[in-house]
Amino acid sequence: MSLKRLAGEPFIFVRRPGAAGMYADFVRACEAQGVQLRVVDEVPRMVTAINLVAAGGGVTLVPASMQCYQQESVRYCRVAGDEAFRAPLHIVTKSAVRNPAVERFRETVLVFAERSREGY
């Protein structure tokens, strides 16, 4: 779905104080294409936003990992040009602990992330 098709839709956003994240990137991507967003609600959690969409309250933006919620009541669509608002991936480990399983996991995630950037 193109950003232009979202113009005028009632949007439900999840706001996180101090961490604008993908929503700020999404708003910038819309502004760059001249798309006016009509925000009708701001909620504290993504699941709340999805439930409001299921109730007919509007549309929302969620990461692909949230597609398992309310599948019978909502339709998930990939947004064209979503490269402009991808969420970063962070790995956090305790620096003093050297666990071979943790190191292998970290290496696997980094390889996966690199391949994703290259379009595999």
N, C-alpha and C. Protein backbone atom coordinates (compact mmCIF):
# COMPACT_ATOMS: atom_id res chain seq x y z
N MET A 1 0.85 -1.17 0.00
CA MET A 1 0.00 0.00 0.00
C MET A 1 0.90 1.24 0.00
N SER A 2 0.59 2.19 -0.84
CA SER A 2 1.40 3.39 -0.92
C SER A 2 1.03 4.37 0.20
N LEU A 3 1.98 5.22 0.56
CA LEU A 3 1.72 6.24 1.57
C LEU A 3 0.60 7.17 1.11
N LYS A 4 0.54 7.47 -0.17
CA LYS A 4 -0.49 8.37 -0.72
C LYS A 4 -1.90 7.83 -0.43
N ARG A 5 -2.08 6.51 -0.48
CA ARG A 5 -3.40 5.92 -0.22
C ARG A 5 -3.82 6.07 1.24
N LEU A 6 -2.87 6.38 2.11
CA LEU A 6 -3.18 6.52 3.53
C LEU A 6 -3.64 7.93 3.89
N ALA A 7 -3.53 8.85 2.95
CA ALA A 7 -3.93 10.24 3.20
C ALA A 7 -5.40 10.29 3.62
N GLY A 8 -5.67 11.00 4.69
CA GLY A 8 -7.03 11.17 5.16
C GLY A 8 -7.56 10.07 6.06
N GLU A 9 -6.85 8.94 6.13
CA GLU A 9 -7.29 7.85 7.01
C GLU A 9 -7.14 8.28 8.48
N PRO A 10 -8.07 7.86 9.34
CA PRO A 10 -7.92 8.16 10.76
C PRO A 10 -6.82 7.26 11.36
N PHE A 11 -5.76 7.86 11.86
CA PHE A 11 -4.62 7.12 12.39
C PHE A 11 -4.67 7.03 13.90
N ILE A 12 -4.29 5.86 14.39
CA ILE A 12 -4.12 5.62 15.82
C ILE A 12 -2.63 5.36 16.01
N PHE A 13 -1.97 6.21 16.79
CA PHE A 13 -0.53 6.08 17.00
C PHE A 13 -0.22 5.62 18.42
N VAL A 14 0.90 4.92 18.53
CA VAL A 14 1.43 4.53 19.83
C VAL A 14 2.54 5.52 20.13
N ARG A 15 2.42 6.22 21.23
CA ARG A 15 3.45 7.20 21.60
C ARG A 15 4.28 6.67 22.74
N ARG A 16 5.58 6.81 22.58
CA ARG A 16 6.51 6.43 23.64
C ARG A 16 7.29 7.67 24.03
N PRO A 17 7.08 8.19 25.23
CA PRO A 17 7.81 9.39 25.64
C PRO A 17 9.32 9.20 25.54
N GLY A 18 9.97 10.13 24.86
CA GLY A 18 11.42 10.09 24.77
C GLY A 18 11.97 9.15 23.71
N ALA A 19 11.12 8.41 23.01
CA ALA A 19 11.60 7.47 21.99
C ALA A 19 10.61 7.45 20.83
N ALA A 20 10.75 8.41 19.97
CA ALA A 20 9.79 8.56 18.86
C ALA A 20 9.82 7.37 17.90
N GLY A 21 11.00 6.83 17.61
CA GLY A 21 11.16 5.62 16.81
C GLY A 21 10.50 5.63 15.46
N MET A 22 9.88 4.49 15.10
CA MET A 22 9.35 4.31 13.76
C MET A 22 8.20 5.26 13.46
N TYR A 23 7.48 5.73 14.47
CA TYR A 23 6.38 6.66 14.20
C TYR A 23 6.89 7.99 13.68
N ALA A 24 7.96 8.50 14.27
CA ALA A 24 8.54 9.75 13.78
C ALA A 24 9.08 9.56 12.36
N ASP A 25 9.71 8.41 12.11
CA ASP A 25 10.21 8.12 10.76
C ASP A 25 9.05 8.03 9.77
N PHE A 26 7.94 7.41 10.19
CA PHE A 26 6.76 7.29 9.34
C PHE A 26 6.17 8.67 9.02
N VAL A 27 6.06 9.51 10.03
CA VAL A 27 5.53 10.86 9.83
C VAL A 27 6.43 11.63 8.86
N ARG A 28 7.75 11.52 9.02
CA ARG A 28 8.68 12.20 8.10
C ARG A 28 8.53 11.67 6.66
N ALA A 29 8.37 10.34 6.52
CA ALA A 29 8.20 9.76 5.19
C ALA A 29 6.91 10.27 4.55
N CYS A 30 5.84 10.38 5.34
CA CYS A 30 4.57 10.92 4.82
C CYS A 30 4.73 12.38 4.41
N GLU A 31 5.34 13.16 5.27
CA GLU A 31 5.54 14.58 4.96
C GLU A 31 6.37 14.76 3.69
N ALA A 32 7.39 13.92 3.51
CA ALA A 32 8.24 14.02 2.32
C ALA A 32 7.44 13.75 1.05
N GLN A 33 6.36 12.98 1.15
CA GLN A 33 5.52 12.70 -0.01
C GLN A 33 4.26 13.56 -0.05
N GLY A 34 4.18 14.53 0.86
CA GLY A 34 3.03 15.43 0.88
C GLY A 34 1.76 14.80 1.42
N VAL A 35 1.89 13.77 2.22
CA VAL A 35 0.72 13.07 2.78
C VAL A 35 0.39 13.67 4.14
N GLN A 36 -0.84 14.18 4.28
CA GLN A 36 -1.32 14.72 5.55
C GLN A 36 -1.88 13.58 6.38
N LEU A 37 -1.39 13.43 7.60
CA LEU A 37 -1.91 12.40 8.51
C LEU A 37 -2.99 13.00 9.40
N ARG A 38 -4.03 12.24 9.63
CA ARG A 38 -5.11 12.66 10.53
C ARG A 38 -5.08 11.73 11.74
N VAL A 39 -4.39 12.15 12.79
CA VAL A 39 -4.24 11.35 14.01
C VAL A 39 -5.48 11.56 14.87
N VAL A 40 -6.21 10.47 15.13
CA VAL A 40 -7.44 10.56 15.92
C VAL A 40 -7.26 10.05 17.34
N ASP A 41 -6.17 9.31 17.57
CA ASP A 41 -5.95 8.78 18.91
C ASP A 41 -4.48 8.44 19.10
N GLU A 42 -4.01 8.54 20.33
CA GLU A 42 -2.67 8.11 20.71
C GLU A 42 -2.82 7.22 21.93
N VAL A 43 -2.23 6.04 21.84
CA VAL A 43 -2.41 5.03 22.90
C VAL A 43 -1.04 4.59 23.41
N PRO A 44 -1.00 3.98 24.61
CA PRO A 44 0.29 3.58 25.18
C PRO A 44 0.87 2.27 24.66
N ARG A 45 0.05 1.42 24.02
CA ARG A 45 0.54 0.09 23.60
C ARG A 45 0.05 -0.26 22.20
N MET A 46 0.88 -1.03 21.49
CA MET A 46 0.53 -1.46 20.13
C MET A 46 -0.70 -2.35 20.11
N VAL A 47 -0.82 -3.23 21.09
CA VAL A 47 -1.98 -4.12 21.12
C VAL A 47 -3.26 -3.30 21.28
N THR A 48 -3.20 -2.24 22.05
CA THR A 48 -4.36 -1.35 22.19
C THR A 48 -4.71 -0.73 20.85
N ALA A 49 -3.71 -0.28 20.12
CA ALA A 49 -3.96 0.31 18.80
C ALA A 49 -4.60 -0.71 17.86
N ILE A 50 -4.10 -1.93 17.87
CA ILE A 50 -4.66 -2.99 17.00
C ILE A 50 -6.10 -3.28 17.39
N ASN A 51 -6.39 -3.31 18.69
CA ASN A 51 -7.77 -3.54 19.13
C ASN A 51 -8.69 -2.41 18.70
N LEU A 52 -8.21 -1.18 18.72
CA LEU A 52 -9.02 -0.05 18.25
C LEU A 52 -9.27 -0.14 16.75
N VAL A 53 -8.26 -0.60 16.00
CA VAL A 53 -8.46 -0.82 14.57
C VAL A 53 -9.53 -1.89 14.36
N ALA A 54 -9.45 -2.98 15.12
CA ALA A 54 -10.44 -4.06 15.01
C ALA A 54 -11.85 -3.56 15.31
N ALA A 55 -11.96 -2.55 16.18
CA ALA A 55 -13.26 -1.98 16.53
C ALA A 55 -13.73 -0.93 15.53
N GLY A 56 -12.89 -0.66 14.51
CA GLY A 56 -13.29 0.29 13.47
C GLY A 56 -12.82 1.71 13.72
N GLY A 57 -11.88 1.89 14.64
CA GLY A 57 -11.45 3.23 15.00
C GLY A 57 -10.47 3.89 14.06
N GLY A 58 -9.90 3.15 13.12
CA GLY A 58 -8.94 3.75 12.19
C GLY A 58 -7.90 2.75 11.76
N VAL A 59 -6.73 3.26 11.41
CA VAL A 59 -5.60 2.44 10.99
C VAL A 59 -4.42 2.74 11.91
N THR A 60 -3.46 1.83 11.94
CA THR A 60 -2.27 2.04 12.75
C THR A 60 -1.06 1.46 12.04
N LEU A 61 0.08 1.78 12.53
CA LEU A 61 1.35 1.30 12.00
C LEU A 61 1.99 0.42 13.07
N VAL A 62 2.31 -0.82 12.69
CA VAL A 62 2.96 -1.75 13.62
C VAL A 62 4.07 -2.48 12.90
N PRO A 63 5.07 -2.98 13.63
CA PRO A 63 6.09 -3.81 13.00
C PRO A 63 5.48 -5.13 12.52
N ALA A 64 6.11 -5.74 11.56
CA ALA A 64 5.62 -7.01 11.00
C ALA A 64 5.46 -8.07 12.08
N SER A 65 6.24 -7.99 13.14
CA SER A 65 6.16 -8.99 14.21
C SER A 65 4.83 -8.97 14.96
N MET A 66 4.01 -7.94 14.77
CA MET A 66 2.72 -7.82 15.46
C MET A 66 1.57 -8.42 14.67
N GLN A 67 1.83 -9.01 13.52
CA GLN A 67 0.76 -9.49 12.64
C GLN A 67 -0.06 -10.64 13.19
N CYS A 68 0.33 -11.19 14.31
CA CYS A 68 -0.41 -12.33 14.87
C CYS A 68 -1.63 -11.88 15.68
N TYR A 69 -1.78 -10.59 15.95
CA TYR A 69 -2.88 -10.11 16.77
C TYR A 69 -4.11 -9.77 15.93
N GLN A 70 -5.26 -10.18 16.41
CA GLN A 70 -6.56 -9.84 15.81
C GLN A 70 -6.64 -10.19 14.32
N GLN A 71 -6.02 -11.29 13.90
CA GLN A 71 -5.99 -11.65 12.49
C GLN A 71 -7.38 -11.82 11.88
N GLU A 72 -8.34 -12.21 12.68
CA GLU A 72 -9.69 -12.40 12.16
C GLU A 72 -10.45 -11.09 11.98
N SER A 73 -9.93 -10.01 12.58
CA SER A 73 -10.66 -8.74 12.57
C SER A 73 -9.97 -7.61 11.82
N VAL A 74 -8.69 -7.74 11.54
CA VAL A 74 -7.97 -6.66 10.87
C VAL A 74 -7.18 -7.22 9.69
N ARG A 75 -6.83 -6.34 8.78
CA ARG A 75 -6.02 -6.72 7.62
C ARG A 75 -4.67 -6.00 7.74
N TYR A 76 -3.59 -6.76 7.64
CA TYR A 76 -2.25 -6.21 7.70
C TYR A 76 -1.75 -6.01 6.27
N CYS A 77 -1.23 -4.84 5.98
CA CYS A 77 -0.71 -4.52 4.65
C CYS A 77 0.70 -3.97 4.79
N ARG A 78 1.57 -4.40 3.92
CA ARG A 78 2.91 -3.83 3.90
C ARG A 78 2.84 -2.45 3.25
N VAL A 79 3.54 -1.49 3.83
CA VAL A 79 3.54 -0.14 3.30
C VAL A 79 4.69 -0.02 2.30
N ALA A 80 4.36 0.41 1.09
CA ALA A 80 5.39 0.59 0.07
C ALA A 80 6.37 1.66 0.54
N GLY A 81 7.65 1.41 0.34
CA GLY A 81 8.66 2.37 0.77
C GLY A 81 8.94 2.29 2.26
N ASP A 82 8.67 1.13 2.87
CA ASP A 82 8.84 1.02 4.31
C ASP A 82 10.30 1.09 4.76
N GLU A 83 11.23 1.12 3.82
CA GLU A 83 12.65 1.25 4.19
C GLU A 83 12.89 2.54 4.95
N ALA A 84 12.04 3.54 4.72
CA ALA A 84 12.20 4.85 5.35
C ALA A 84 11.90 4.84 6.84
N PHE A 85 11.23 3.80 7.33
CA PHE A 85 10.88 3.80 8.74
C PHE A 85 11.01 2.42 9.36
N ARG A 86 12.13 1.81 9.14
CA ARG A 86 12.42 0.52 9.79
C ARG A 86 13.00 0.75 11.18
N ALA A 87 12.62 -0.10 12.09
CA ALA A 87 13.12 0.01 13.45
C ALA A 87 14.49 -0.64 13.56
N PRO A 88 15.41 -0.03 14.29
CA PRO A 88 16.73 -0.63 14.44
C PRO A 88 16.67 -1.86 15.34
N LEU A 89 17.64 -2.73 15.17
CA LEU A 89 17.75 -3.94 15.98
C LEU A 89 18.90 -3.74 16.97
N HIS A 90 18.63 -4.01 18.23
CA HIS A 90 19.65 -3.87 19.27
C HIS A 90 19.85 -5.21 19.97
N ILE A 91 21.09 -5.54 20.21
CA ILE A 91 21.42 -6.73 20.99
C ILE A 91 22.15 -6.25 22.22
N VAL A 92 21.70 -6.70 23.37
CA VAL A 92 22.33 -6.29 24.62
C VAL A 92 22.76 -7.55 25.37
N THR A 93 24.03 -7.59 25.75
CA THR A 93 24.54 -8.69 26.55
C THR A 93 25.38 -8.13 27.69
N LYS A 94 25.57 -8.91 28.69
CA LYS A 94 26.40 -8.51 29.81
C LYS A 94 27.86 -8.64 29.37
N SER A 95 28.62 -7.56 29.46
CA SER A 95 29.97 -7.55 28.91
C SER A 95 30.95 -8.46 29.67
N ALA A 96 30.72 -8.66 30.95
CA ALA A 96 31.66 -9.46 31.74
C ALA A 96 31.48 -10.97 31.54
N VAL A 97 30.39 -11.39 30.94
CA VAL A 97 30.11 -12.81 30.77
C VAL A 97 30.43 -13.22 29.34
N ARG A 98 31.24 -14.25 29.18
CA ARG A 98 31.58 -14.78 27.86
C ARG A 98 30.94 -16.15 27.72
N ASN A 99 29.76 -16.18 27.15
CA ASN A 99 29.01 -17.41 26.97
C ASN A 99 29.05 -17.78 25.48
N PRO A 100 29.58 -18.94 25.12
CA PRO A 100 29.67 -19.32 23.70
C PRO A 100 28.32 -19.31 22.98
N ALA A 101 27.24 -19.70 23.66
CA ALA A 101 25.92 -19.70 23.03
C ALA A 101 25.47 -18.28 22.72
N VAL A 102 25.72 -17.36 23.64
CA VAL A 102 25.37 -15.96 23.42
C VAL A 102 26.18 -15.39 22.26
N GLU A 103 27.46 -15.71 22.20
CA GLU A 103 28.31 -15.23 21.11
C GLU A 103 27.84 -15.76 19.76
N ARG A 104 27.48 -17.03 19.69
CA ARG A 104 26.97 -17.61 18.43
C ARG A 104 25.66 -16.96 18.02
N PHE A 105 24.78 -16.72 19.00
CA PHE A 105 23.52 -16.05 18.70
C PHE A 105 23.77 -14.65 18.15
N ARG A 106 24.65 -13.91 18.81
CA ARG A 106 24.98 -12.55 18.37
C ARG A 106 25.51 -12.57 16.94
N GLU A 107 26.43 -13.47 16.65
CA GLU A 107 27.00 -13.57 15.30
C GLU A 107 25.93 -13.92 14.27
N THR A 108 25.02 -14.83 14.63
CA THR A 108 23.95 -15.22 13.71
C THR A 108 23.03 -14.04 13.41
N VAL A 109 22.67 -13.29 14.43
CA VAL A 109 21.80 -12.12 14.24
C VAL A 109 22.49 -11.08 13.36
N LEU A 110 23.76 -10.84 13.59
CA LEU A 110 24.48 -9.86 12.78
C LEU A 110 24.58 -10.28 11.32
N VAL A 111 24.80 -11.56 11.06
CA VAL A 111 24.83 -12.06 9.68
C VAL A 111 23.46 -11.90 9.04
N PHE A 112 22.40 -12.24 9.77
CA PHE A 112 21.04 -12.09 9.26
C PHE A 112 20.74 -10.63 8.94
N ALA A 113 21.12 -9.73 9.83
CA ALA A 113 20.88 -8.30 9.61
C ALA A 113 21.62 -7.80 8.37
N GLU A 114 22.85 -8.24 8.19
CA GLU A 114 23.63 -7.82 7.02
C GLU A 114 22.99 -8.35 5.74
N ARG A 115 22.56 -9.59 5.75
CA ARG A 115 21.91 -10.15 4.56
C ARG A 115 20.61 -9.42 4.25
N SER A 116 19.88 -9.04 5.29
CA SER A 116 18.63 -8.30 5.08
C SER A 116 18.88 -6.96 4.40
N ARG A 117 19.97 -6.30 4.81
CA ARG A 117 20.33 -5.02 4.18
C ARG A 117 20.71 -5.20 2.71
N GLU A 118 21.29 -6.35 2.40
CA GLU A 118 21.73 -6.61 1.04
C GLU A 118 20.60 -7.13 0.15
N GLY A 119 19.43 -7.39 0.75
CA GLY A 119 18.29 -7.83 -0.03
C GLY A 119 18.13 -9.31 -0.24
N TYR A 120 18.79 -10.14 0.59
CA TYR A 120 18.64 -11.60 0.48
C TYR A 120 17.25 -12.03 0.86
